[in-house]
PDB file of N, CA and C in Angstrom:
ATOM      1  N   MET A   1      -6.687  -7.551  -6.842  1.00  0.00           N
ATOM      2  CA  MET A   1      -6.810  -8.776  -6.194  1.00  0.00           C
ATOM      3  C   MET A   1      -8.210  -9.065  -5.939  1.00  0.00           C
ATOM      4  N   GLY A   2      -8.584 -10.133  -5.384  1.00  0.00           N
ATOM      5  CA  GLY A   2      -9.989 -10.358  -5.103  1.00  0.00           C
ATOM      6  C   GLY A   2     -10.841 -10.955  -6.159  1.00  0.00           C
ATOM      7  N   ARG A   3     -12.111 -10.811  -6.120  1.00  0.00           N
ATOM      8  CA  ARG A   3     -12.891 -11.276  -6.982  1.00  0.00           C
ATOM      9  C   ARG A   3     -13.905 -10.208  -7.099  1.00  0.00           C
ATOM     10  N   LYS A   4     -15.143 -10.613  -7.996  1.00  0.00           N
ATOM     11  CA  LYS A   4     -16.168  -9.668  -8.260  1.00  0.00           C
ATOM     12  C   LYS A   4     -16.854  -9.321  -7.144  1.00  0.00           C
ATOM     13  N   LYS A   5     -17.266  -8.074  -6.709  1.00  0.00           N
ATOM     14  CA  LYS A   5     -17.673  -7.689  -5.495  1.00  0.00           C
ATOM     15  C   LYS A   5     -17.124  -7.957  -4.397  1.00  0.00           C
ATOM     16  N   LEU A   6     -15.830  -8.278  -4.228  1.00  0.00           N
ATOM     17  CA  LEU A   6     -14.895  -8.668  -3.024  1.00  0.00           C
ATOM     18  C   LEU A   6     -13.412  -8.186  -3.307  1.00  0.00           C
ATOM     19  N   PRO A   7     -13.245  -6.803  -3.432  1.00  0.00           N
ATOM     20  CA  PRO A   7     -11.932  -6.214  -3.658  1.00  0.00           C
ATOM     21  C   PRO A   7     -10.946  -6.610  -2.556  1.00  0.00           C
ATOM     22  N   ILE A   8      -9.754  -6.624  -2.919  1.00  0.00           N
ATOM     23  CA  ILE A   8      -8.561  -6.811  -2.118  1.00  0.00           C
ATOM     24  C   ILE A   8      -7.512  -6.044  -2.667  1.00  0.00           C
ATOM     25  N   TYR A   9      -7.052  -5.076  -2.038  1.00  0.00           N
ATOM     26  CA  TYR A   9      -5.916  -4.298  -2.514  1.00  0.00           C
ATOM     27  C   TYR A   9      -4.651  -4.546  -2.117  1.00  0.00           C
ATOM     28  N   LYS A  10      -3.485  -4.602  -3.099  1.00  0.00           N
ATOM     29  CA  LYS A  10      -2.138  -4.753  -2.576  1.00  0.00           C
ATOM     30  C   LYS A  10      -1.511  -3.216  -2.513  1.00  0.00           C
ATOM     31  N   ILE A  11      -0.813  -3.058  -1.347  1.00  0.00           N
ATOM     32  CA  ILE A  11      -0.332  -1.754  -1.169  1.00  0.00           C
ATOM     33  C   ILE A  11       1.215  -1.827  -1.675  1.00  0.00           C
ATOM     34  N   VAL A  12       1.618  -1.110  -2.564  1.00  0.00           N
ATOM     35  CA  VAL A  12       3.096  -1.442  -3.135  1.00  0.00           C
ATOM     36  C   VAL A  12       3.663  -0.163  -3.440  1.00  0.00           C
ATOM     37  N   VAL A  13       5.037  -0.278  -3.628  1.00  0.00           N
ATOM     38  CA  VAL A  13       6.020   0.907  -4.122  1.00  0.00           C
ATOM     39  C   VAL A  13       6.005   0.886  -5.597  1.00  0.00           C
ATOM     40  N   ALA A  14       5.722   1.853  -6.106  1.00  0.00           N
ATOM     41  CA  ALA A  14       5.990   2.067  -7.640  1.00  0.00           C
ATOM     42  C   ALA A  14       6.723   3.139  -8.090  1.00  0.00           C
ATOM     43  N   GLU A  15       7.441   3.196  -9.232  1.00  0.00           N
ATOM     44  CA  GLU A  15       8.140   4.209  -9.749  1.00  0.00           C
ATOM     45  C   GLU A  15       7.236   5.499 -10.158  1.00  0.00           C
ATOM     46  N   GLY A  16       7.422   6.752  -9.883  1.00  0.00           N
ATOM     47  CA  GLY A  16       6.429   7.786  -9.984  1.00  0.00           C
ATOM     48  C   GLY A  16       6.409   8.143 -11.508  1.00  0.00           C
ATOM     49  N   MET A  17       7.365   7.740 -12.390  1.00  0.00           N
ATOM     50  CA  MET A  17       7.267   8.058 -13.812  1.00  0.00           C
ATOM     51  C   MET A  17       6.798   6.840 -14.556  1.00  0.00           C
ATOM     52  N   SER A  18       6.381   5.597 -13.867  1.00  0.00           N
ATOM     53  CA  SER A  18       5.841   4.527 -14.570  1.00  0.00           C
ATOM     54  C   SER A  18       4.446   4.836 -14.720  1.00  0.00           C
ATOM     55  N   LYS A  19       3.916   3.726 -15.642  1.00  0.00           N
ATOM     56  CA  LYS A  19       2.458   3.828 -16.002  1.00  0.00           C
ATOM     57  C   LYS A  19       1.799   3.306 -14.483  1.00  0.00           C
ATOM     58  N   ARG A  20       0.523   3.428 -14.607  1.00  0.00           N
ATOM     59  CA  ARG A  20      -0.281   3.179 -13.467  1.00  0.00           C
ATOM     60  C   ARG A  20      -0.279   1.444 -13.109  1.00  0.00           C
ATOM     61  N   ASP A  21      -0.245   0.813 -14.319  1.00  0.00           N
ATOM     62  CA  ASP A  21      -0.381  -0.590 -14.279  1.00  0.00           C
ATOM     63  C   ASP A  21       1.018  -1.176 -14.456  1.00  0.00           C
ATOM     64  N   GLY A  22       2.389  -0.246 -14.190  1.00  0.00           N
ATOM     65  CA  GLY A  22       3.497  -0.987 -14.335  1.00  0.00           C
ATOM     66  C   GLY A  22       3.669  -1.906 -13.220  1.00  0.00           C
ATOM     67  N   LYS A  23       4.916  -2.426 -13.255  1.00  0.00           N
ATOM     68  CA  LYS A  23       5.470  -3.657 -12.333  1.00  0.00           C
ATOM     69  C   LYS A  23       5.805  -2.779 -10.926  1.00  0.00           C
ATOM     70  N   ALA A  24       5.359  -3.377  -9.758  1.00  0.00           N
ATOM     71  CA  ALA A  24       5.610  -2.880  -8.668  1.00  0.00           C
ATOM     72  C   ALA A  24       7.110  -3.153  -8.238  1.00  0.00           C
ATOM     73  N   VAL A  25       7.699  -2.251  -7.454  1.00  0.00           N
ATOM     74  CA  VAL A  25       9.200  -2.236  -7.103  1.00  0.00           C
ATOM     75  C   VAL A  25       9.175  -3.137  -5.868  1.00  0.00           C
ATOM     76  N   ASP A  26       8.015  -3.077  -4.758  1.00  0.00           N
ATOM     77  CA  ASP A  26       8.064  -3.774  -3.798  1.00  0.00           C
ATOM     78  C   ASP A  26       6.518  -3.913  -3.021  1.00  0.00           C
ATOM     79  N   ILE A  27       6.286  -5.018  -2.495  1.00  0.00           N
ATOM     80  CA  ILE A  27       4.896  -5.143  -2.099  1.00  0.00           C
ATOM     81  C   ILE A  27       4.818  -4.956  -0.649  1.00  0.00           C
ATOM     82  N   LEU A  28       4.169  -3.892  -0.073  1.00  0.00           N
ATOM     83  CA  LEU A  28       4.250  -3.681   1.340  1.00  0.00           C
ATOM     84  C   LEU A  28       3.220  -4.396   2.291  1.00  0.00           C
ATOM     85  N   GLY A  29       2.082  -4.587   1.660  1.00  0.00           N
ATOM     86  CA  GLY A  29       1.048  -5.300   2.381  1.00  0.00           C
ATOM     87  C   GLY A  29      -0.171  -5.321   1.632  1.00  0.00           C
ATOM     88  N   THR A  30      -1.518  -5.602   2.271  1.00  0.00           N
ATOM     89  CA  THR A  30      -2.779  -5.803   1.513  1.00  0.00           C
ATOM     90  C   THR A  30      -3.888  -5.045   2.381  1.00  0.00           C
ATOM     91  N   TYR A  31      -4.751  -4.641   1.807  1.00  0.00           N
ATOM     92  CA  TYR A  31      -5.966  -3.920   2.392  1.00  0.00           C
ATOM     93  C   TYR A  31      -7.397  -4.634   1.942  1.00  0.00           C
ATOM     94  N   ASN A  32      -8.091  -4.906   2.785  1.00  0.00           N
ATOM     95  CA  ASN A  32      -9.484  -5.423   2.445  1.00  0.00           C
ATOM     96  C   ASN A  32     -10.532  -4.586   2.930  1.00  0.00           C
ATOM     97  N   PRO A  33     -10.971  -3.707   2.171  1.00  0.00           N
ATOM     98  CA  PRO A  33     -12.056  -2.657   2.473  1.00  0.00           C
ATOM     99  C   PRO A  33     -13.366  -3.152   3.004  1.00  0.00           C
ATOM    100  N   LYS A  34     -13.786  -4.401   2.657  1.00  0.00           N
ATOM    101  CA  LYS A  34     -15.015  -4.865   3.107  1.00  0.00           C
ATOM    102  C   LYS A  34     -14.830  -5.288   4.577  1.00  0.00           C
ATOM    103  N   SER A  35     -13.772  -6.052   5.099  1.00  0.00           N
ATOM    104  CA  SER A  35     -13.666  -6.289   6.536  1.00  0.00           C
ATOM    105  C   SER A  35     -12.656  -5.408   7.200  1.00  0.00           C
ATOM    106  N   LYS A  36     -12.333  -4.487   6.538  1.00  0.00           N
ATOM    107  CA  LYS A  36     -11.349  -3.330   7.072  1.00  0.00           C
ATOM    108  C   LYS A  36      -9.933  -3.909   7.684  1.00  0.00           C
ATOM    109  N   GLU A  37      -9.656  -5.015   7.132  1.00  0.00           N
ATOM    110  CA  GLU A  37      -8.358  -5.698   7.410  1.00  0.00           C
ATOM    111  C   GLU A  37      -7.448  -5.253   6.631  1.00  0.00           C
ATOM    112  N   LEU A  38      -6.307  -4.719   7.276  1.00  0.00           N
ATOM    113  CA  LEU A  38      -4.983  -4.183   6.836  1.00  0.00           C
ATOM    114  C   LEU A  38      -3.856  -5.008   7.488  1.00  0.00           C
ATOM    115  N   GLN A  39      -2.884  -5.381   6.457  1.00  0.00           N
ATOM    116  CA  GLN A  39      -1.745  -6.130   6.831  1.00  0.00           C
ATOM    117  C   GLN A  39      -0.650  -5.418   6.261  1.00  0.00           C
ATOM    118  N   ILE A  40       0.111  -4.889   6.900  1.00  0.00           N
ATOM    119  CA  ILE A  40       1.379  -3.859   6.359  1.00  0.00           C
ATOM    120  C   ILE A  40       2.728  -4.395   6.986  1.00  0.00           C
ATOM    121  N   ASP A  41       3.815  -4.397   6.364  1.00  0.00           N
ATOM    122  CA  ASP A  41       5.064  -4.551   6.863  1.00  0.00           C
ATOM    123  C   ASP A  41       5.559  -3.255   7.306  1.00  0.00           C
ATOM    124  N   VAL A  42       5.400  -3.037   8.633  1.00  0.00           N
ATOM    125  CA  VAL A  42       5.939  -1.479   9.002  1.00  0.00           C
ATOM    126  C   VAL A  42       7.452  -1.294   8.770  1.00  0.00           C
ATOM    127  N   GLU A  43       8.055  -2.157   8.920  1.00  0.00           N
ATOM    128  CA  GLU A  43       9.498  -1.991   8.730  1.00  0.00           C
ATOM    129  C   GLU A  43       9.895  -1.565   7.159  1.00  0.00           C
ATOM    130  N   LYS A  44       9.289  -2.356   6.376  1.00  0.00           N
ATOM    131  CA  LYS A  44       9.500  -2.054   5.055  1.00  0.00           C
ATOM    132  C   LYS A  44       8.984  -0.465   4.672  1.00  0.00           C
ATOM    133  N   VAL A  45       7.642  -0.032   5.191  1.00  0.00           N
ATOM    134  CA  VAL A  45       7.128   1.146   5.016  1.00  0.00           C
ATOM    135  C   VAL A  45       8.147   1.991   5.624  1.00  0.00           C
ATOM    136  N   LYS A  46       8.690   2.242   6.780  1.00  0.00           N
ATOM    137  CA  LYS A  46       9.765   3.180   7.241  1.00  0.00           C
ATOM    138  C   LYS A  46      10.862   2.995   6.392  1.00  0.00           C
ATOM    139  N   GLU A  47      11.346   1.855   5.875  1.00  0.00           N
ATOM    140  CA  GLU A  47      12.634   2.030   4.997  1.00  0.00           C
ATOM    141  C   GLU A  47      12.246   2.887   3.828  1.00  0.00           C
ATOM    142  N   TRP A  48      11.105   2.460   3.126  1.00  0.00           N
ATOM    143  CA  TRP A  48      10.833   3.300   1.903  1.00  0.00           C
ATOM    144  C   TRP A  48      10.655   4.930   2.174  1.00  0.00           C
ATOM    145  N   LEU A  49       9.875   5.164   3.235  1.00  0.00           N
ATOM    146  CA  LEU A  49       9.783   6.549   3.725  1.00  0.00           C
ATOM    147  C   LEU A  49      11.032   7.235   3.875  1.00  0.00           C
ATOM    148  N   ALA A  50      11.962   6.461   4.604  1.00  0.00           N
ATOM    149  CA  ALA A  50      13.328   7.282   4.727  1.00  0.00           C
ATOM    150  C   ALA A  50      13.822   7.465   3.200  1.00  0.00           C
ATOM    151  N   LYS A  51      13.799   6.405   2.378  1.00  0.00           N
ATOM    152  CA  LYS A  51      14.402   6.751   1.014  1.00  0.00           C
ATOM    153  C   LYS A  51      13.630   7.738   0.370  1.00  0.00           C
ATOM    154  N   GLY A  52      12.698   8.245   0.768  1.00  0.00           N
ATOM    155  CA  GLY A  52      11.955   9.533   0.367  1.00  0.00           C
ATOM    156  C   GLY A  52      10.693   9.219  -0.627  1.00  0.00           C
ATOM    157  N   ALA A  53      10.072   7.806  -0.384  1.00  0.00           N
ATOM    158  CA  ALA A  53       8.897   7.639  -1.104  1.00  0.00           C
ATOM    159  C   ALA A  53       7.813   8.470  -0.444  1.00  0.00           C
ATOM    160  N   GLN A  54       6.762   8.771  -1.387  1.00  0.00           N
ATOM    161  CA  GLN A  54       5.669   9.567  -0.830  1.00  0.00           C
ATOM    162  C   GLN A  54       4.378   8.689  -1.072  1.00  0.00           C
ATOM    163  N   PRO A  55       3.574   8.561   0.061  1.00  0.00           N
ATOM    164  CA  PRO A  55       2.411   7.742  -0.052  1.00  0.00           C
ATOM    165  C   PRO A  55       1.409   8.400  -0.591  1.00  0.00           C
ATOM    166  N   THR A  56       0.374   7.619  -1.222  1.00  0.00           N
ATOM    167  CA  THR A  56      -0.661   8.565  -1.755  1.00  0.00           C
ATOM    168  C   THR A  56      -1.838   8.782  -0.589  1.00  0.00           C
ATOM    169  N   ASP A  57      -2.721   9.751  -0.745  1.00  0.00           N
ATOM    170  CA  ASP A  57      -3.420  10.154   0.227  1.00  0.00           C
ATOM    171  C   ASP A  57      -4.142   9.005   1.095  1.00  0.00           C
ATOM    172  N   ARG A  58      -4.760   7.932   0.134  1.00  0.00           N
ATOM    173  CA  ARG A  58      -5.496   6.782   0.842  1.00  0.00           C
ATOM    174  C   ARG A  58      -4.429   6.052   1.592  1.00  0.00           C
ATOM    175  N   VAL A  59      -3.211   5.674   1.096  1.00  0.00           N
ATOM    176  CA  VAL A  59      -2.339   4.744   1.837  1.00  0.00           C
ATOM    177  C   VAL A  59      -1.869   5.682   3.191  1.00  0.00           C
ATOM    178  N   ALA A  60      -1.638   7.024   2.873  1.00  0.00           N
ATOM    179  CA  ALA A  60      -1.047   7.525   4.328  1.00  0.00           C
ATOM    180  C   ALA A  60      -2.283   7.600   5.294  1.00  0.00           C
ATOM    181  N   SER A  61      -3.609   7.590   4.801  1.00  0.00           N
ATOM    182  CA  SER A  61      -4.799   7.587   5.995  1.00  0.00           C
ATOM    183  C   SER A  61      -4.721   6.128   6.491  1.00  0.00           C
ATOM    184  N   LEU A  62      -4.434   5.015   5.846  1.00  0.00           N
ATOM    185  CA  LEU A  62      -4.314   3.736   6.030  1.00  0.00           C
ATOM    186  C   LEU A  62      -2.873   3.408   7.030  1.00  0.00           C
ATOM    187  N   LEU A  63      -1.916   4.105   6.649  1.00  0.00           N
ATOM    188  CA  LEU A  63      -0.696   4.136   7.682  1.00  0.00           C
ATOM    189  C   LEU A  63      -0.984   4.861   8.865  1.00  0.00           C
ATOM    190  N   LYS A  64      -1.768   5.865   9.018  1.00  0.00           N
ATOM    191  CA  LYS A  64      -2.065   6.455  10.218  1.00  0.00           C
ATOM    192  C   LYS A  64      -2.830   5.559  11.259  1.00  0.00           C
ATOM    193  N   ARG A  65      -3.669   4.580  10.751  1.00  0.00           N
ATOM    194  CA  ARG A  65      -4.384   3.362  11.380  1.00  0.00           C
ATOM    195  C   ARG A  65      -3.385   2.653  12.053  1.00  0.00           C
ATOM    196  N   VAL A  66      -2.457   2.323  11.477  1.00  0.00           N
ATOM    197  CA  VAL A  66      -1.243   1.343  11.991  1.00  0.00           C
ATOM    198  C   VAL A  66      -0.487   2.086  12.948  1.00  0.00           C
ATOM    199  N   VAL A  67      -0.151   3.211  12.815  1.00  0.00           N
ATOM    200  CA  VAL A  67       0.640   4.030  13.791  1.00  0.00           C
ATOM    201  C   VAL A  67      -0.003   3.926  15.171  1.00  0.00           C
ATOM    202  N   GLN A  68      -1.368   4.272  15.222  1.00  0.00           N
ATOM    203  CA  GLN A  68      -2.267   4.488  16.277  1.00  0.00           C
ATOM    204  C   GLN A  68      -2.264   3.397  17.218  1.00  0.00           C
TER     205      GLN A  68
END
């Protein structure tokens, strides 16, 4: 998402065996690295982690910011 030189990333749940650009199973939030703005649906994140989803290293570090 975003535009040239202004990235905005979606935080999504994706199948581990799917391609990188495959369809997202669920959208959990967004992250704007320029303004450090983070919007996450914490309830959805907890639900997916309880189901066994494993966050990437970058998403795990963003989740630590939300928990604190």
